[in-house]
Amino acid sequence: MRISSIAKAIVAGIAAGATAAVTAVQDGVLDTGDGVTIVLAILGAWGITWAVPNRQPDEIR
C-alpha cells in the first residue's frame, strides 16, 4: 500500500490535534492557551511527519 507524505501528515495532525483538544477540555473550559496548544500540536505533527521520508519499497525479488 502506498500512502503519500501529505496523507500521513494530515492524519498525524488530526490525531495530535484531537489528543490535545481532549486534554484541553478536561476542565470544561477552552481558553486561548488551550487553543494555542492544539494548534502547535497540529503544526508540530505536520512538520515532523512531513520531514520523515517514506521508506522506499524493496527491490522486486
N, C-alpha and C. Protein backbone atom coordinates (compact mmCIF):
# COMPACT_ATOMS: atom_id res chain seq x y z
N MET A 1 0.84 -1.17 0.00
CA MET A 1 0.00 0.00 0.00
C MET A 1 0.89 1.24 0.00
N ARG A 2 0.55 2.18 -0.85
CA ARG A 2 1.32 3.42 -0.94
C ARG A 2 0.53 4.55 -0.31
N ILE A 3 1.12 5.19 0.65
CA ILE A 3 0.49 6.34 1.31
C ILE A 3 1.41 7.53 1.11
N SER A 4 0.87 8.61 0.60
CA SER A 4 1.70 9.78 0.34
C SER A 4 2.08 10.46 1.66
N SER A 5 3.13 11.27 1.59
CA SER A 5 3.58 12.00 2.77
C SER A 5 2.52 12.97 3.27
N ILE A 6 1.80 13.58 2.35
CA ILE A 6 0.80 14.55 2.77
C ILE A 6 -0.37 13.86 3.48
N ALA A 7 -0.75 12.68 3.04
CA ALA A 7 -1.83 11.95 3.72
C ALA A 7 -1.42 11.55 5.13
N LYS A 8 -0.18 11.10 5.27
CA LYS A 8 0.32 10.75 6.60
C LYS A 8 0.36 11.97 7.50
N ALA A 9 0.77 13.11 6.96
CA ALA A 9 0.86 14.33 7.76
C ALA A 9 -0.53 14.80 8.20
N ILE A 10 -1.50 14.71 7.33
CA ILE A 10 -2.86 15.13 7.68
C ILE A 10 -3.42 14.25 8.79
N VAL A 11 -3.25 12.95 8.67
CA VAL A 11 -3.75 12.04 9.71
C VAL A 11 -3.02 12.28 11.03
N ALA A 12 -1.72 12.49 10.97
CA ALA A 12 -0.96 12.77 12.20
C ALA A 12 -1.41 14.07 12.84
N GLY A 13 -1.69 15.08 12.03
CA GLY A 13 -2.16 16.36 12.56
C GLY A 13 -3.52 16.23 13.22
N ILE A 14 -4.41 15.49 12.59
CA ILE A 14 -5.74 15.27 13.18
C ILE A 14 -5.63 14.53 14.50
N ALA A 15 -4.79 13.51 14.53
CA ALA A 15 -4.62 12.73 15.76
C ALA A 15 -4.02 13.58 16.88
N ALA A 16 -3.00 14.37 16.56
CA ALA A 16 -2.36 15.21 17.57
C ALA A 16 -3.32 16.30 18.05
N GLY A 17 -4.04 16.90 17.12
CA GLY A 17 -5.00 17.94 17.50
C GLY A 17 -6.12 17.40 18.36
N ALA A 18 -6.63 16.24 18.00
CA ALA A 18 -7.70 15.62 18.79
C ALA A 18 -7.22 15.27 20.20
N THR A 19 -6.01 14.76 20.29
CA THR A 19 -5.46 14.42 21.60
C THR A 19 -5.29 15.66 22.46
N ALA A 20 -4.75 16.72 21.87
CA ALA A 20 -4.56 17.97 22.61
C ALA A 20 -5.91 18.57 22.99
N ALA A 21 -6.90 18.49 22.10
CA ALA A 21 -8.22 19.05 22.40
C ALA A 21 -8.91 18.30 23.53
N VAL A 22 -8.82 16.99 23.52
CA VAL A 22 -9.43 16.20 24.60
C VAL A 22 -8.79 16.53 25.93
N THR A 23 -7.48 16.67 25.94
CA THR A 23 -6.78 17.02 27.17
C THR A 23 -7.14 18.44 27.61
N ALA A 24 -7.29 19.35 26.65
CA ALA A 24 -7.56 20.75 26.98
C ALA A 24 -8.95 20.96 27.58
N VAL A 25 -9.92 20.18 27.18
CA VAL A 25 -11.29 20.40 27.66
C VAL A 25 -11.64 19.56 28.89
N GLN A 26 -10.68 18.94 29.50
CA GLN A 26 -10.95 18.13 30.69
C GLN A 26 -11.51 18.97 31.82
N ASP A 27 -11.12 20.25 31.90
CA ASP A 27 -11.62 21.10 32.97
C ASP A 27 -12.92 21.82 32.59
N GLY A 28 -13.42 21.59 31.39
CA GLY A 28 -14.68 22.18 30.96
C GLY A 28 -14.56 23.56 30.35
N VAL A 29 -13.34 24.08 30.26
CA VAL A 29 -13.12 25.43 29.72
C VAL A 29 -12.04 25.35 28.66
N LEU A 30 -12.31 25.99 27.51
CA LEU A 30 -11.32 26.06 26.44
C LEU A 30 -10.91 27.52 26.29
N ASP A 31 -9.70 27.84 26.74
CA ASP A 31 -9.25 29.23 26.65
C ASP A 31 -8.18 29.38 25.58
N THR A 32 -7.63 30.58 25.47
CA THR A 32 -6.67 30.88 24.42
C THR A 32 -5.43 30.00 24.51
N GLY A 33 -4.94 29.76 25.70
CA GLY A 33 -3.76 28.91 25.87
C GLY A 33 -4.00 27.50 25.37
N ASP A 34 -5.19 27.00 25.61
CA ASP A 34 -5.54 25.66 25.11
C ASP A 34 -5.58 25.65 23.59
N GLY A 35 -6.14 26.71 23.01
CA GLY A 35 -6.19 26.81 21.55
C GLY A 35 -4.81 26.84 20.93
N VAL A 36 -3.91 27.59 21.56
CA VAL A 36 -2.53 27.66 21.08
C VAL A 36 -1.86 26.29 21.17
N THR A 37 -2.10 25.58 22.26
CA THR A 37 -1.54 24.24 22.43
C THR A 37 -2.03 23.30 21.34
N ILE A 38 -3.32 23.36 21.03
CA ILE A 38 -3.89 22.50 20.00
C ILE A 38 -3.27 22.80 18.64
N VAL A 39 -3.17 24.09 18.31
CA VAL A 39 -2.59 24.49 17.02
C VAL A 39 -1.13 24.07 16.93
N LEU A 40 -0.37 24.27 17.99
CA LEU A 40 1.04 23.86 17.98
C LEU A 40 1.20 22.35 17.87
N ALA A 41 0.31 21.59 18.48
CA ALA A 41 0.36 20.13 18.35
C ALA A 41 0.13 19.72 16.91
N ILE A 42 -0.85 20.35 16.26
CA ILE A 42 -1.14 20.03 14.86
C ILE A 42 0.04 20.40 13.97
N LEU A 43 0.55 21.61 14.12
CA LEU A 43 1.67 22.05 13.28
C LEU A 43 2.93 21.21 13.52
N GLY A 44 3.17 20.85 14.78
CA GLY A 44 4.33 20.01 15.08
C GLY A 44 4.22 18.63 14.46
N ALA A 45 3.04 18.05 14.52
CA ALA A 45 2.83 16.73 13.90
C ALA A 45 2.99 16.81 12.40
N TRP A 46 2.45 17.87 11.78
CA TRP A 46 2.60 18.03 10.34
C TRP A 46 4.06 18.16 9.96
N GLY A 47 4.80 18.99 10.68
CA GLY A 47 6.21 19.22 10.35
C GLY A 47 7.05 17.97 10.51
N ILE A 48 6.88 17.28 11.61
CA ILE A 48 7.67 16.07 11.85
C ILE A 48 7.33 14.98 10.84
N THR A 49 6.04 14.80 10.59
CA THR A 49 5.62 13.75 9.65
C THR A 49 6.07 14.08 8.24
N TRP A 50 6.01 15.34 7.87
CA TRP A 50 6.43 15.74 6.52
C TRP A 50 7.94 15.57 6.35
N ALA A 51 8.71 15.81 7.41
CA ALA A 51 10.17 15.76 7.32
C ALA A 51 10.70 14.33 7.21
N VAL A 52 10.00 13.37 7.77
CA VAL A 52 10.46 11.99 7.75
C VAL A 52 10.01 11.35 6.43
N PRO A 53 10.96 10.91 5.60
CA PRO A 53 10.57 10.34 4.30
C PRO A 53 9.95 8.96 4.44
N ASN A 54 9.12 8.63 3.47
CA ASN A 54 8.56 7.28 3.40
C ASN A 54 9.68 6.29 3.11
N ARG A 55 9.55 5.10 3.64
CA ARG A 55 10.51 4.05 3.37
C ARG A 55 10.34 3.61 1.92
N GLN A 56 11.43 3.47 1.21
CA GLN A 56 11.38 3.03 -0.18
C GLN A 56 11.10 1.53 -0.23
N PRO A 57 10.22 1.11 -1.13
CA PRO A 57 9.94 -0.33 -1.21
C PRO A 57 11.18 -1.11 -1.65
N ASP A 58 11.26 -2.32 -1.17
CA ASP A 58 12.40 -3.16 -1.54
C ASP A 58 12.35 -3.45 -3.04
N GLU A 59 13.50 -3.78 -3.56
CA GLU A 59 13.57 -4.15 -4.97
C GLU A 59 12.74 -5.39 -5.21
N ILE A 60 12.20 -5.50 -6.41
CA ILE A 60 11.41 -6.68 -6.77
C ILE A 60 12.33 -7.90 -6.75
N ARG A 61 11.91 -8.93 -6.07
CA ARG A 61 12.78 -10.11 -5.91
C ARG A 61 12.57 -11.08 -7.01
